[in-house]
């Protein structure tokens, strides 16, 4: 990558400048685990707080637009961090897969651990347990 001249540096708009300095990217993603009923309440709380924070940032008159986007991305990253710390946590070990075709490709890694949890059993569930998951 070639170096920019002083004139070229002055010609950069603030959004491109922030992206070049690594302060912001084009998009931010959130990874939300949702396999336990407690996750639903925690997710609602985190998204409500994120929504109010984004509305506060958008309504600010003292920030430039690029700063609003940078702060909004920081808020999204903070919400994603909170999503990753939700309890109960993911029972699967990192880095392994148990892919099977049943009838389509699924990752069965962690299903046995969830099947053993008493807090996930519901009294109205009369379905048979699939092979390989019996207690």
C-alpha atoms as a PDB file:
ATOM      1  CA  UNK A   1       0.000   0.000   0.000  1.00  0.00           C
ATOM      2  CA  UNK A   2       1.429   3.363  -0.984  1.00  0.00           C
ATOM      3  CA  UNK A   3       1.756   6.261   1.403  1.00  0.00           C
ATOM      4  CA  UNK A   4      -0.693   9.129   1.106  1.00  0.00           C
ATOM      5  CA  UNK A   5       0.503  12.646   0.529  1.00  0.00           C
ATOM      6  CA  UNK A   6      -0.550  15.428   2.886  1.00  0.00           C
ATOM      7  CA  UNK A   7      -3.156  16.635   0.385  1.00  0.00           C
ATOM      8  CA  UNK A   8      -4.593  13.137   0.023  1.00  0.00           C
ATOM      9  CA  UNK A   9      -4.764  12.737   3.818  1.00  0.00           C
ATOM     10  CA  UNK A  10      -6.667  15.994   4.133  1.00  0.00           C
ATOM     11  CA  UNK A  11      -9.079  14.824   1.422  1.00  0.00           C
ATOM     12  CA  UNK A  12     -10.157  11.721   3.414  1.00  0.00           C
ATOM     13  CA  UNK A  13     -13.583  11.997   4.948  1.00  0.00           C
ATOM     14  CA  UNK A  14     -13.878  11.201   8.680  1.00  0.00           C
ATOM     15  CA  UNK A  15     -15.548   7.811   8.113  1.00  0.00           C
ATOM     16  CA  UNK A  16     -12.748   6.541   5.862  1.00  0.00           C
ATOM     17  CA  UNK A  17     -10.199   7.939   8.313  1.00  0.00           C
ATOM     18  CA  UNK A  18     -11.825   6.054  11.203  1.00  0.00           C
ATOM     19  CA  UNK A  19     -11.877   2.843   9.170  1.00  0.00           C
ATOM     20  CA  UNK A  20      -8.218   3.248   8.184  1.00  0.00           C
ATOM     21  CA  UNK A  21      -7.286   3.714  11.838  1.00  0.00           C
ATOM     22  CA  UNK A  22      -9.279   0.611  12.821  1.00  0.00           C
ATOM     23  CA  UNK A  23     -11.847   2.445  14.940  1.00  0.00           C
ATOM     24  CA  UNK A  24     -14.814   1.091  13.011  1.00  0.00           C
ATOM     25  CA  UNK A  25     -15.788  -1.461  10.382  1.00  0.00           C
ATOM     26  CA  UNK A  26     -18.621  -1.798   7.892  1.00  0.00           C
ATOM     27  CA  UNK A  27     -20.691  -4.060  10.148  1.00  0.00           C
ATOM     28  CA  UNK A  28     -20.907  -5.584  13.613  1.00  0.00           C
ATOM     29  CA  UNK A  29     -22.476  -8.916  14.452  1.00  0.00           C
ATOM     30  CA  UNK A  30     -24.004 -10.297  17.614  1.00  0.00           C
ATOM     31  CA  UNK A  31     -23.926 -13.983  18.548  1.00  0.00           C
ATOM     32  CA  UNK A  32     -26.821 -14.873  20.861  1.00  0.00           C
ATOM     33  CA  UNK A  33     -27.228 -18.283  22.463  1.00  0.00           C
ATOM     34  CA  UNK A  34     -30.876 -19.253  22.825  1.00  0.00           C
ATOM     35  CA  UNK A  35     -31.224 -22.847  23.992  1.00  0.00           C
ATOM     36  CA  UNK A  36     -32.491 -22.247  27.559  1.00  0.00           C
ATOM     37  CA  UNK A  37     -35.552 -20.288  28.687  1.00  0.00           C
ATOM     38  CA  UNK A  38     -33.367 -18.086  30.947  1.00  0.00           C
ATOM     39  CA  UNK A  39     -31.569 -16.849  27.831  1.00  0.00           C
ATOM     40  CA  UNK A  40     -34.801 -15.277  26.594  1.00  0.00           C
ATOM     41  CA  UNK A  41     -35.125 -12.901  29.562  1.00  0.00           C
ATOM     42  CA  UNK A  42     -31.435 -12.031  29.526  1.00  0.00           C
ATOM     43  CA  UNK A  43     -31.566 -11.341  25.787  1.00  0.00           C
ATOM     44  CA  UNK A  44     -34.575  -9.047  26.152  1.00  0.00           C
ATOM     45  CA  UNK A  45     -32.772  -7.076  28.864  1.00  0.00           C
ATOM     46  CA  UNK A  46     -29.553  -6.732  26.841  1.00  0.00           C
ATOM     47  CA  UNK A  47     -31.387  -5.716  23.644  1.00  0.00           C
ATOM     48  CA  UNK A  48     -33.518  -3.170  25.558  1.00  0.00           C
ATOM     49  CA  UNK A  49     -30.375  -1.599  27.025  1.00  0.00           C
ATOM     50  CA  UNK A  50     -28.684  -1.640  23.616  1.00  0.00           C
ATOM     51  CA  UNK A  51     -31.712  -0.019  22.002  1.00  0.00           C
ATOM     52  CA  UNK A  52     -31.848   2.793  24.552  1.00  0.00           C
ATOM     53  CA  UNK A  53     -28.092   3.360  24.213  1.00  0.00           C
ATOM     54  CA  UNK A  54     -28.319   3.532  20.409  1.00  0.00           C
ATOM     55  CA  UNK A  55     -31.238   5.988  20.651  1.00  0.00           C
ATOM     56  CA  UNK A  56     -29.199   8.135  23.063  1.00  0.00           C
ATOM     57  CA  UNK A  57     -26.223   8.121  20.686  1.00  0.00           C
ATOM     58  CA  UNK A  58     -28.397   8.939  17.661  1.00  0.00           C
ATOM     59  CA  UNK A  59     -30.046  11.861  19.474  1.00  0.00           C
ATOM     60  CA  UNK A  60     -26.759  13.444  20.547  1.00  0.00           C
ATOM     61  CA  UNK A  61     -26.138  16.896  19.082  1.00  0.00           C
ATOM     62  CA  UNK A  62     -22.531  17.151  20.254  1.00  0.00           C
ATOM     63  CA  UNK A  63     -21.146  14.206  18.234  1.00  0.00           C
ATOM     64  CA  UNK A  64     -20.106  14.033  14.601  1.00  0.00           C
ATOM     65  CA  UNK A  65     -21.804  11.343  12.522  1.00  0.00           C
ATOM     66  CA  UNK A  66     -18.629   9.276  12.396  1.00  0.00           C
ATOM     67  CA  UNK A  67     -18.381   9.426  16.187  1.00  0.00           C
ATOM     68  CA  UNK A  68     -21.991   8.309  16.507  1.00  0.00           C
ATOM     69  CA  UNK A  69     -21.254   5.281  14.326  1.00  0.00           C
ATOM     70  CA  UNK A  70     -18.075   4.487  16.248  1.00  0.00           C
ATOM     71  CA  UNK A  71     -19.845   4.676  19.630  1.00  0.00           C
ATOM     72  CA  UNK A  72     -22.762   2.636  18.268  1.00  0.00           C
ATOM     73  CA  UNK A  73     -20.354  -0.082  17.149  1.00  0.00           C
ATOM     74  CA  UNK A  74     -18.778  -0.059  20.593  1.00  0.00           C
ATOM     75  CA  UNK A  75     -22.206  -0.492  22.172  1.00  0.00           C
ATOM     76  CA  UNK A  76     -22.944  -3.426  19.873  1.00  0.00           C
ATOM     77  CA  UNK A  77     -19.618  -5.044  20.768  1.00  0.00           C
ATOM     78  CA  UNK A  78     -20.403  -4.588  24.472  1.00  0.00           C
ATOM     79  CA  UNK A  79     -23.827  -6.225  23.986  1.00  0.00           C
ATOM     80  CA  UNK A  80     -22.158  -9.106  22.148  1.00  0.00           C
ATOM     81  CA  UNK A  81     -19.748  -9.554  25.070  1.00  0.00           C
ATOM     82  CA  UNK A  82     -22.703  -9.683  27.456  1.00  0.00           C
ATOM     83  CA  UNK A  83     -24.385 -12.276  25.216  1.00  0.00           C
ATOM     84  CA  UNK A  84     -21.254 -14.429  25.422  1.00  0.00           C
ATOM     85  CA  UNK A  85     -21.339 -14.329  29.243  1.00  0.00           C
ATOM     86  CA  UNK A  86     -24.984 -15.428  29.574  1.00  0.00           C
ATOM     87  CA  UNK A  87     -25.656 -18.341  31.911  1.00  0.00           C
ATOM     88  CA  UNK A  88     -26.231 -21.248  31.585  1.00  0.00           C
ATOM     89  CA  UNK A  89     -23.277 -21.371  29.241  1.00  0.00           C
ATOM     90  CA  UNK A  90     -22.800 -23.473  26.142  1.00  0.00           C
ATOM     91  CA  UNK A  91     -21.960 -27.068  27.216  1.00  0.00           C
ATOM     92  CA  UNK A  92     -20.022 -27.870  24.064  1.00  0.00           C
ATOM     93  CA  UNK A  93     -16.227 -27.878  23.956  1.00  0.00           C
ATOM     94  CA  UNK A  94     -14.712 -25.492  21.438  1.00  0.00           C
ATOM     95  CA  UNK A  95     -13.343 -26.660  18.144  1.00  0.00           C
ATOM     96  CA  UNK A  96     -15.047 -29.985  17.527  1.00  0.00           C
ATOM     97  CA  UNK A  97     -18.005 -31.028  15.404  1.00  0.00           C
ATOM     98  CA  UNK A  98     -20.249 -34.080  15.324  1.00  0.00           C
ATOM     99  CA  UNK A  99     -21.847 -33.768  11.894  1.00  0.00           C
ATOM    100  CA  UNK A 100     -24.482 -36.314  10.857  1.00  0.00           C
ATOM    101  CA  UNK A 101     -27.144 -36.485   8.168  1.00  0.00           C
ATOM    102  CA  UNK A 102     -30.458 -37.018  10.002  1.00  0.00           C
ATOM    103  CA  UNK A 103     -32.241 -36.358   7.475  1.00  0.00           C
ATOM    104  CA  UNK A 104     -30.197 -33.224   6.754  1.00  0.00           C
ATOM    105  CA  UNK A 105     -26.763 -32.133   7.953  1.00  0.00           C
ATOM    106  CA  UNK A 106     -26.792 -31.175  11.647  1.00  0.00           C
ATOM    107  CA  UNK A 107     -24.138 -30.750  14.313  1.00  0.00           C
ATOM    108  CA  UNK A 108     -25.109 -33.067  17.200  1.00  0.00           C
ATOM    109  CA  UNK A 109     -22.228 -31.898  19.371  1.00  0.00           C
ATOM    110  CA  UNK A 110     -23.604 -31.025  22.814  1.00  0.00           C
ATOM    111  CA  UNK A 111     -27.034 -32.639  22.359  1.00  0.00           C
ATOM    112  CA  UNK A 112     -26.251 -35.423  24.885  1.00  0.00           C
ATOM    113  CA  UNK A 113     -25.268 -32.853  27.539  1.00  0.00           C
ATOM    114  CA  UNK A 114     -28.511 -30.948  27.027  1.00  0.00           C
ATOM    115  CA  UNK A 115     -30.531 -34.170  27.177  1.00  0.00           C
ATOM    116  CA  UNK A 116     -29.108 -34.888  30.671  1.00  0.00           C
ATOM    117  CA  UNK A 117     -30.161 -31.497  32.117  1.00  0.00           C
ATOM    118  CA  UNK A 118     -33.174 -31.742  34.421  1.00  0.00           C
ATOM    119  CA  UNK A 119     -34.087 -28.063  34.056  1.00  0.00           C
ATOM    120  CA  UNK A 120     -34.802 -28.567  30.343  1.00  0.00           C
ATOM    121  CA  UNK A 121     -37.275 -31.424  30.812  1.00  0.00           C
ATOM    122  CA  UNK A 122     -40.901 -30.374  30.466  1.00  0.00           C
ATOM    123  CA  UNK A 123     -43.813 -32.335  31.964  1.00  0.00           C
ATOM    124  CA  UNK A 124     -45.975 -32.164  28.837  1.00  0.00           C
ATOM    125  CA  UNK A 125     -43.259 -33.612  26.603  1.00  0.00           C
ATOM    126  CA  UNK A 126     -44.351 -37.190  25.794  1.00  0.00           C
ATOM    127  CA  UNK A 127     -42.079 -37.704  22.798  1.00  0.00           C
ATOM    128  CA  UNK A 128     -39.773 -40.676  22.667  1.00  0.00           C
ATOM    129  CA  UNK A 129     -36.075 -40.090  23.194  1.00  0.00           C
ATOM    130  CA  UNK A 130     -34.064 -40.670  19.978  1.00  0.00           C
ATOM    131  CA  UNK A 131     -31.526 -43.464  19.894  1.00  0.00           C
ATOM    132  CA  UNK A 132     -28.234 -42.514  21.504  1.00  0.00           C
ATOM    133  CA  UNK A 133     -29.823 -40.035  23.927  1.00  0.00           C
ATOM    134  CA  UNK A 134     -31.391 -42.375  26.522  1.00  0.00           C
ATOM    135  CA  UNK A 135     -30.465 -41.767  30.169  1.00  0.00           C
END
